[in-house]
Amino acid sequence: MKKEVNGKTKKIILISVIVISSLAALVATAFFIVTRYYYGLLNFDPLDGGYVPITTIDYDPYAPPSSTAGETTRAPETSLPSDTTTPDTTAPDSTESTTAPTPPDTDVPHVLPPDMPQPPVLTPDGDDVKHILLIGADYVSDNGLSDIMVIASINNTEKTITCTSLMRDTYVYIPIDGGIRTKLNAAHQKGGIKLLIETIELNFGIKFDNYMKLDFEKAVDVFDRLGGLEIRINKEEAEFIRRWEPSSKLEFDSSKADGEGYLTVHLNGAELRAHARNRSTGGGVDFNRTRRQRDILTAAFEKAKTMSFTQLLTFLDGVFPLVTTDIHYSEFVGYILHASSYSSYKFQTFRIPSDGCWKYWSYYILITKPEKTMNEWYDLVYN
């Protein structure tokens, strides 16, 4: 009887070990697949049909296709359609009808995009426009992905302030590891602020005077110190905020919405962070997220116009320790002293790439007409 019990016990233990081991292997496999997919988006090489270490891509972006040293395993290269091919002209900011790209298939050209020529320096030294790079970073690694990149351009001659969103998925050349091409937001992760600035200047010809960086966790405190903001949102966006911010008590009364289904509501810091990071509603792409970020910046500018010098100075004292910047405290005080004049400036927004100048290419946004995009940006900022 004892031997029989021991035999049964051993069998139960053996079965339990097998089951637990199988479950562990299943979880490990699932974890590997998910992390490989999520982080692999940065390292996806459409030429090789899979995920490869991004640092192995070693070639000169301005060299002809034949001089691709270190790429002997790649598929033969052909040319992408020329600019005569009709690009995707959907205007996602207004229609919100753009949908996210599907994974690569036979319709995706397994070729390199056209080499981007050395752009002209669009922002020469000595002009009367100050360009400040605003960075919102996610700290999943040492530097984190710069999922928010906005160029704030202050034109003191034309009396305008222009905030330009840079699309995080834009396919660019990053000057590191011999030269790589991948998503723009990877530059900050791989080399911090310095590499991100170099990448933007190299690809778009914009020279920066200063930068300001804020991680998403600290953004909540910044928005709360501002007293929250009035933002125009729709029902889908309200539901996203409530879903991703458990503390939110946001209510959306559809009966009070305008003809487009939008309603102006007050959002606190946590709700504004959720809204700024939303890339799930309105087509599930980054175009509407950058539009939301520009809406927040516009609302912040309008709110600042109503604040007194004392209120602005108190806000600066609370926020300055939260921000990483090369702007000295005294310079910020100078901005506040001129707040009354800035309040009369025209506030405008833009996006790079502009409408009709881009197309999806694998998991990337490919700028099909860089010159047109940058000329439009220059005309808006400088004229």
Protein backbone atom coordinates (compact mmCIF):
# COMPACT_ATOMS: atom_id res chain seq x y z
CA MET A 1 0.00 0.00 0.00
CA LYS A 2 2.81 2.41 0.88
CA LYS A 3 4.59 1.68 -2.39
CA GLU A 4 1.37 2.31 -4.31
CA VAL A 5 0.88 5.70 -2.57
CA ASN A 6 4.49 6.62 -3.21
CA GLY A 7 4.07 5.62 -6.86
CA LYS A 8 0.99 7.78 -7.21
CA THR A 9 2.73 10.67 -5.47
CA LYS A 10 5.70 10.44 -7.79
CA LYS A 11 3.39 10.35 -10.79
CA ILE A 12 1.51 13.44 -9.57
CA ILE A 13 4.76 15.27 -8.95
CA LEU A 14 6.07 14.31 -12.39
CA ILE A 15 2.88 15.47 -14.10
CA SER A 16 2.94 18.72 -12.11
CA VAL A 17 6.54 19.38 -13.12
CA ILE A 18 5.71 18.76 -16.76
CA VAL A 19 2.66 21.05 -16.64
CA ILE A 20 4.52 23.84 -14.83
CA SER A 21 7.48 23.56 -17.21
CA SER A 22 5.16 23.72 -20.21
CA LEU A 23 3.40 26.79 -18.84
CA ALA A 24 6.74 28.47 -18.11
CA ALA A 25 7.94 27.74 -21.63
CA LEU A 26 4.66 29.10 -23.04
CA VAL A 27 4.93 32.32 -21.01
CA ALA A 28 8.58 32.75 -21.97
CA THR A 29 7.73 32.24 -25.64
CA ALA A 30 4.85 34.75 -25.46
CA PHE A 31 7.09 37.27 -23.70
CA PHE A 32 9.79 36.80 -26.34
CA ILE A 33 7.31 37.29 -29.18
CA VAL A 34 5.73 40.40 -27.66
CA THR A 35 9.01 42.10 -26.76
CA ARG A 36 10.54 41.14 -30.09
CA TYR A 37 7.56 42.67 -31.87
CA TYR A 38 7.41 45.85 -29.77
CA TYR A 39 11.08 46.71 -29.67
CA GLY A 40 11.71 45.10 -33.03
CA LEU A 41 9.70 47.82 -34.74
CA LEU A 42 12.75 49.99 -34.26
CA ASN A 43 15.02 47.36 -35.75
CA PHE A 44 12.86 46.12 -38.60
CA ASP A 45 14.77 45.85 -41.83
CA PRO A 46 12.31 45.67 -44.74
CA LEU A 47 15.10 44.64 -47.08
CA ASP A 48 15.84 41.54 -45.08
CA GLY A 49 12.22 40.68 -44.38
CA GLY A 50 12.71 40.55 -40.63
CA TYR A 51 14.27 41.93 -37.51
CA VAL A 52 17.99 42.57 -37.52
CA PRO A 53 20.29 44.43 -35.13
CA ILE A 54 19.97 48.03 -36.21
CA THR A 55 23.67 48.70 -35.66
CA THR A 56 24.60 46.30 -38.49
CA ILE A 57 23.13 48.65 -41.07
CA ASP A 58 26.28 50.41 -42.16
CA TYR A 59 26.14 52.58 -45.25
CA ASP A 60 26.44 56.15 -46.43
CA PRO A 61 22.99 57.70 -46.99
CA TYR A 62 24.34 59.87 -49.77
CA ALA A 63 26.25 57.14 -51.59
CA PRO A 64 24.82 55.47 -54.72
CA PRO A 65 23.09 52.09 -54.19
CA SER A 66 26.12 50.16 -55.48
CA SER A 67 28.32 51.26 -52.56
CA THR A 68 26.48 49.47 -49.79
CA ALA A 69 29.36 47.93 -47.88
CA GLY A 70 28.41 45.40 -45.28
CA GLU A 71 25.07 44.50 -46.90
CA THR A 72 25.98 41.40 -48.88
CA THR A 73 23.03 39.46 -47.45
CA ARG A 74 20.42 41.95 -48.59
CA ALA A 75 17.99 41.45 -51.43
CA PRO A 76 18.85 43.10 -54.77
CA GLU A 77 17.90 46.76 -54.78
CA THR A 78 15.52 48.43 -57.16
CA SER A 79 14.11 51.92 -57.18
CA LEU A 80 11.03 53.13 -55.41
CA PRO A 81 8.39 54.78 -57.56
CA SER A 82 9.40 58.31 -58.49
CA ASP A 83 7.62 61.41 -57.25
CA THR A 84 5.28 61.13 -60.22
CA THR A 85 3.53 58.36 -58.32
CA THR A 86 0.54 59.82 -56.53
CA PRO A 87 1.37 59.96 -52.82
CA ASP A 88 -1.09 59.36 -50.03
CA THR A 89 -2.85 62.72 -49.78
CA THR A 90 -5.15 61.87 -46.90
CA ALA A 91 -5.37 64.72 -44.42
CA PRO A 92 -5.47 62.85 -41.13
CA ASP A 93 -5.58 65.99 -39.00
CA SER A 94 -8.94 66.97 -40.39
CA THR A 95 -10.63 63.69 -41.32
CA GLU A 96 -9.08 61.25 -38.84
CA SER A 97 -9.70 58.55 -41.45
CA THR A 98 -6.14 57.34 -41.92
CA THR A 99 -5.59 53.78 -40.76
CA ALA A 100 -2.43 52.20 -39.44
CA PRO A 101 -0.28 50.21 -41.88
CA THR A 102 -0.50 46.46 -42.04
CA PRO A 103 2.60 44.27 -41.57
CA PRO A 104 4.82 43.97 -44.64
CA ASP A 105 3.55 41.77 -47.48
CA THR A 106 4.15 41.34 -51.19
CA ASP A 107 2.82 44.84 -51.86
CA VAL A 108 5.55 46.46 -49.77
CA PRO A 109 8.61 47.31 -51.88
CA HIS A 110 11.65 45.56 -50.40
CA VAL A 111 13.97 48.31 -51.49
CA LEU A 112 15.77 51.25 -49.99
CA PRO A 113 13.88 54.57 -50.11
CA PRO A 114 15.40 57.32 -52.23
CA ASP A 115 18.56 58.75 -50.71
CA MET A 116 17.85 62.07 -49.04
CA PRO A 117 20.33 64.68 -50.31
CA GLN A 118 22.14 66.96 -47.92
CA PRO A 119 19.45 69.54 -47.12
CA PRO A 120 20.15 73.26 -47.23
CA VAL A 121 20.55 75.06 -43.94
CA LEU A 122 17.09 76.58 -43.61
CA THR A 123 17.84 78.39 -40.37
CA PRO A 124 21.05 80.40 -40.84
CA ASP A 125 22.83 82.07 -37.96
CA GLY A 126 21.88 85.66 -37.32
CA ASP A 127 18.22 85.48 -38.32
CA ASP A 128 15.51 86.79 -36.03
CA VAL A 129 13.84 83.42 -35.45
CA LYS A 130 14.61 81.31 -32.40
CA HIS A 131 14.06 77.54 -32.71
CA ILE A 132 13.60 75.48 -29.54
CA LEU A 133 13.26 71.69 -29.67
CA LEU A 134 10.64 70.39 -27.22
CA ILE A 135 11.09 66.70 -26.34
CA GLY A 136 8.76 64.34 -24.53
CA ALA A 137 10.60 61.11 -23.67
CA ASP A 138 9.56 57.71 -22.35
CA TYR A 139 12.16 56.26 -19.98
CA VAL A 140 12.05 52.56 -20.80
CA SER A 141 15.83 52.72 -21.25
CA ASP A 142 18.67 55.12 -20.40
CA ASN A 143 17.36 57.83 -22.70
CA GLY A 144 13.98 56.57 -23.81
CA LEU A 145 12.17 57.03 -27.08
CA SER A 146 11.37 60.65 -27.92
CA ASP A 147 7.70 60.11 -28.73
CA ILE A 148 7.01 63.85 -28.65
CA MET A 149 9.18 66.12 -30.78
CA VAL A 150 7.97 69.65 -31.41
CA ILE A 151 9.89 72.58 -32.90
CA ALA A 152 8.82 75.85 -31.27
CA SER A 153 9.82 78.71 -33.60
CA ILE A 154 9.55 82.29 -32.33
CA ASN A 155 9.69 84.87 -35.13
CA ASN A 156 10.13 88.31 -33.58
CA THR A 157 9.97 90.07 -36.95
CA GLU A 158 6.71 88.57 -38.17
CA LYS A 159 5.46 88.23 -34.57
CA THR A 160 4.49 84.57 -34.85
CA ILE A 161 5.02 81.46 -32.76
CA THR A 162 4.93 78.22 -34.75
CA CYS A 163 4.83 74.76 -33.19
CA THR A 164 5.81 72.01 -35.64
CA SER A 165 5.29 68.33 -34.86
CA LEU A 166 7.86 65.83 -36.08
CA MET A 167 6.38 62.39 -36.72
CA ARG A 168 8.05 59.78 -34.51
CA ASP A 169 7.84 57.07 -37.22
CA THR A 170 9.48 59.17 -39.93
CA TYR A 171 12.18 57.18 -41.74
CA VAL A 172 15.46 59.11 -41.36
CA TYR A 173 19.21 58.77 -41.46
CA ILE A 174 20.82 58.74 -37.99
CA PRO A 175 24.57 59.54 -37.88
CA ILE A 176 25.68 56.75 -35.53
CA ASP A 177 27.35 53.35 -35.88
CA GLY A 178 28.52 54.16 -39.40
CA GLY A 179 25.10 55.50 -40.35
CA ILE A 180 21.71 53.83 -39.86
CA ARG A 181 18.20 54.40 -41.14
CA THR A 182 15.23 53.89 -38.86
CA LYS A 183 12.50 55.78 -37.02
CA LEU A 184 13.26 59.32 -35.91
CA ASN A 185 12.38 58.67 -32.25
CA ALA A 186 15.18 56.08 -32.02
CA ALA A 187 17.84 58.81 -32.25
CA HIS A 188 17.18 60.00 -28.69
CA GLN A 189 17.20 56.46 -27.37
CA LYS A 190 20.55 55.70 -29.00
CA GLY A 191 22.38 58.96 -28.34
CA GLY A 192 20.28 61.28 -26.20
CA ILE A 193 19.47 64.90 -26.96
CA LYS A 194 22.73 65.55 -28.84
CA LEU A 195 22.14 62.78 -31.38
CA LEU A 196 18.46 63.70 -31.81
CA ILE A 197 19.36 67.31 -32.58
CA GLU A 198 22.10 66.22 -35.02
CA THR A 199 19.63 63.88 -36.75
CA ILE A 200 16.97 66.56 -37.19
CA GLU A 201 19.49 69.14 -38.40
CA LEU A 202 21.00 66.64 -40.88
CA ASN A 203 17.69 65.42 -42.33
CA PHE A 204 15.66 68.63 -42.30
CA GLY A 205 18.15 71.51 -42.33
CA ILE A 206 16.82 73.09 -39.11
CA LYS A 207 19.37 74.45 -36.64
CA PHE A 208 18.30 74.75 -33.01
CA ASP A 209 19.07 77.50 -30.53
CA ASN A 210 17.93 75.55 -27.47
CA TYR A 211 16.14 72.44 -26.28
CA MET A 212 13.76 71.44 -23.47
CA LYS A 213 13.10 67.86 -22.44
CA LEU A 214 10.42 66.50 -20.13
CA ASP A 215 9.63 62.88 -19.35
CA PHE A 216 6.00 61.80 -19.34
CA GLU A 217 5.79 61.21 -15.59
CA LYS A 218 6.86 64.76 -14.78
CA ALA A 219 4.47 66.15 -17.39
CA VAL A 220 1.56 65.50 -15.03
CA ASP A 221 3.04 67.86 -12.43
CA VAL A 222 3.71 70.52 -15.08
CA PHE A 223 0.12 70.44 -16.36
CA ASP A 224 -1.30 70.48 -12.83
CA ARG A 225 0.83 73.51 -11.95
CA LEU A 226 -0.71 75.18 -14.97
CA GLY A 227 -4.14 74.43 -13.51
CA GLY A 228 -5.12 72.01 -16.26
CA LEU A 229 -6.29 73.03 -19.73
CA GLU A 230 -9.48 73.38 -21.75
CA ILE A 231 -9.26 70.90 -24.64
CA ARG A 232 -11.64 70.04 -27.46
CA ILE A 233 -12.14 66.27 -27.59
CA ASN A 234 -14.62 63.75 -28.99
CA LYS A 235 -16.35 60.81 -27.30
CA GLU A 236 -13.72 58.27 -28.40
CA GLU A 237 -10.92 60.39 -26.95
CA ALA A 238 -12.84 60.84 -23.69
CA GLU A 239 -13.27 57.07 -23.39
CA PHE A 240 -9.55 56.56 -24.04
CA ILE A 241 -8.64 59.02 -21.27
CA ARG A 242 -10.95 57.29 -18.77
CA ARG A 243 -9.60 53.88 -19.77
CA TRP A 244 -5.93 54.81 -19.48
CA GLU A 245 -6.19 57.09 -16.47
CA PRO A 246 -8.12 55.28 -13.70
CA SER A 247 -8.22 58.42 -11.53
CA SER A 248 -10.12 60.35 -14.23
CA LYS A 249 -13.68 61.41 -13.50
CA LEU A 250 -14.07 62.96 -16.94
CA GLU A 251 -17.64 63.13 -18.22
CA PHE A 252 -18.62 63.57 -21.85
CA ASP A 253 -22.15 64.76 -22.61
CA SER A 254 -22.74 63.87 -26.26
CA SER A 255 -25.90 65.99 -26.33
CA LYS A 256 -23.72 69.10 -25.89
CA ALA A 257 -21.17 68.16 -28.56
CA ASP A 258 -20.87 70.27 -31.72
CA GLY A 259 -21.73 69.14 -35.23
CA GLU A 260 -18.40 67.28 -35.53
CA GLY A 261 -18.95 65.42 -32.26
CA TYR A 262 -16.46 67.49 -30.24
CA LEU A 263 -16.87 69.09 -26.84
CA THR A 264 -14.52 71.41 -24.94
CA VAL A 265 -13.73 69.95 -21.52
CA HIS A 266 -11.30 70.66 -18.68
CA LEU A 267 -8.47 68.11 -18.38
CA ASN A 268 -6.12 67.80 -15.42
CA GLY A 269 -2.45 66.79 -15.61
CA ALA A 270 -2.95 63.02 -15.71
CA GLU A 271 -5.75 63.33 -18.26
CA LEU A 272 -3.66 65.62 -20.46
CA ARG A 273 -0.79 63.13 -20.39
CA ALA A 274 -3.14 60.34 -21.49
CA HIS A 275 -4.57 62.56 -24.24
CA ALA A 276 -1.09 63.53 -25.49
CA ARG A 277 -0.05 59.88 -25.73
CA ASN A 278 -3.24 58.61 -27.40
CA ARG A 279 -2.49 56.97 -30.75
CA SER A 280 -5.41 54.54 -30.63
CA THR A 281 -8.41 56.63 -31.68
CA GLY A 282 -9.10 58.26 -35.01
CA GLY A 283 -7.39 55.59 -37.10
CA GLY A 284 -4.75 54.32 -34.68
CA VAL A 285 -1.87 56.25 -36.20
CA ASP A 286 0.51 58.93 -34.99
CA PHE A 287 -0.98 61.71 -37.12
CA ASN A 288 -3.85 62.27 -34.72
CA ARG A 289 -1.57 61.98 -31.71
CA THR A 290 0.63 64.81 -32.98
CA ARG A 291 -2.54 66.81 -33.69
CA ARG A 292 -3.61 66.30 -30.05
CA GLN A 293 -0.19 67.43 -28.86
CA ARG A 294 -0.47 70.60 -30.93
CA ASP A 295 -3.94 71.19 -29.49
CA ILE A 296 -2.45 70.96 -25.98
CA LEU A 297 0.35 73.40 -26.84
CA THR A 298 -2.18 75.82 -28.32
CA ALA A 299 -4.33 75.61 -25.18
CA ALA A 300 -1.25 76.11 -22.97
CA PHE A 301 -0.30 79.24 -24.95
CA GLU A 302 -3.83 80.62 -24.58
CA LYS A 303 -3.77 79.84 -20.85
CA ALA A 304 -0.38 81.55 -20.40
CA LYS A 305 -1.76 84.70 -22.05
CA THR A 306 -4.27 85.05 -19.21
CA MET A 307 -1.69 84.63 -16.42
CA SER A 308 -0.08 87.53 -14.60
CA PHE A 309 3.67 88.05 -14.28
CA THR A 310 3.56 86.73 -10.70
CA GLN A 311 1.61 83.63 -11.73
CA LEU A 312 4.01 82.92 -14.59
CA LEU A 313 7.04 83.36 -12.34
CA THR A 314 5.53 81.03 -9.72
CA PHE A 315 4.85 78.49 -12.48
CA LEU A 316 8.44 78.78 -13.72
CA ASP A 317 9.86 78.26 -10.21
CA GLY A 318 7.88 75.05 -9.86
CA VAL A 319 8.52 73.69 -13.34
CA PHE A 320 12.16 74.62 -13.96
CA PRO A 321 13.59 71.78 -11.77
CA LEU A 322 11.48 69.25 -13.69
CA VAL A 323 12.84 70.15 -17.12
CA THR A 324 16.15 69.22 -18.75
CA THR A 325 17.24 72.22 -20.80
CA ASP A 326 20.18 74.33 -21.93
CA ILE A 327 18.16 77.51 -21.37
CA HIS A 328 19.32 79.42 -18.31
CA TYR A 329 16.78 80.40 -15.66
CA SER A 330 17.42 84.08 -16.35
CA GLU A 331 16.46 83.55 -20.01
CA PHE A 332 13.12 82.11 -18.94
CA VAL A 333 12.57 85.16 -16.75
CA GLY A 334 13.29 87.26 -19.84
CA TYR A 335 10.54 85.42 -21.73
CA ILE A 336 8.15 86.11 -18.87
CA LEU A 337 9.08 89.81 -18.84
CA HIS A 338 8.10 89.92 -22.53
CA ALA A 339 4.96 87.84 -22.00
CA SER A 340 2.68 90.79 -22.73
CA SER A 341 4.22 91.24 -26.19
CA TYR A 342 4.19 87.49 -26.91
CA SER A 343 0.47 87.41 -26.12
CA SER A 344 -0.12 89.44 -29.27
CA TYR A 345 1.87 87.02 -31.45
CA LYS A 346 -0.01 84.79 -33.85
CA PHE A 347 0.13 81.13 -32.73
CA GLN A 348 0.22 78.58 -35.56
CA THR A 349 0.97 74.89 -36.02
CA PHE A 350 2.49 72.64 -38.67
CA ARG A 351 3.48 69.00 -39.16
CA ILE A 352 6.49 67.36 -40.81
CA PRO A 353 5.77 65.68 -43.20
CA SER A 354 2.98 67.88 -44.55
CA ASP A 355 -0.13 66.62 -46.34
CA GLY A 356 0.48 65.01 -49.73
CA CYS A 357 4.21 64.59 -49.06
CA TRP A 358 4.33 61.20 -47.34
CA LYS A 359 3.39 57.55 -47.68
CA TYR A 360 3.56 54.45 -45.53
CA TRP A 361 6.56 52.21 -46.23
CA SER A 362 6.55 49.09 -44.10
CA TYR A 363 6.33 50.33 -40.49
CA TYR A 364 7.72 53.73 -41.38
CA ILE A 365 6.46 57.07 -42.65
CA LEU A 366 8.44 57.89 -45.77
CA ILE A 367 8.67 61.55 -46.83
CA THR A 368 8.14 61.40 -50.59
CA LYS A 369 8.60 65.13 -51.18
CA PRO A 370 11.03 66.50 -48.59
CA GLU A 371 11.70 69.74 -50.47
CA LYS A 372 7.99 70.58 -50.70
CA THR A 373 7.48 69.83 -47.01
CA MET A 374 10.41 71.97 -45.88
CA ASN A 375 9.51 74.84 -48.23
CA GLU A 376 6.00 74.88 -46.74
CA TRP A 377 7.50 74.89 -43.24
CA TYR A 378 9.90 77.72 -44.10
CA ASP A 379 7.17 79.86 -45.66
CA LEU A 380 4.96 79.47 -42.59
CA VAL A 381 7.71 80.15 -40.04
CA TYR A 382 9.56 82.95 -41.80
CA ASN A 383 6.92 84.77 -43.87
